[in-house]
């Protein structure tokens, strides 16, 4: 959990400096650690939920701000969140026959499969 705290701190700093690529990497590693803790230590889920990890990697700026904002104790991302909350959240469609460009679709229009854990 110390590693997660460090990644959230550095990821937030990267984001505030406009370095979205490194902020995204910090978020992906954080999400992976959260998933591994849930599976291995807390045993609250059976498997790592890879679509959740990919959601942060493939997501838009809105998703990235919300990810960090929910996990840090300060309010330094509140103003940025107010700027991006009007952006439509985009998700990834895992259907190989999806006609959407790059498989990006509006997240509210995706459906979640509880069997394969894909949208």
Foldseek 3Di string as FASTA:
>chain_A
DVLLVVLLVVLVVCVVVVNNQSNLVSLLVSLQVVQCCCCPPVNVDPHRLVQVSVCSNPKDPLVSLVSSCVPDDDCPSVVVNVVCVVPFIWGAAPPPPDPDVNRIDRVVPDDADPPNRGD
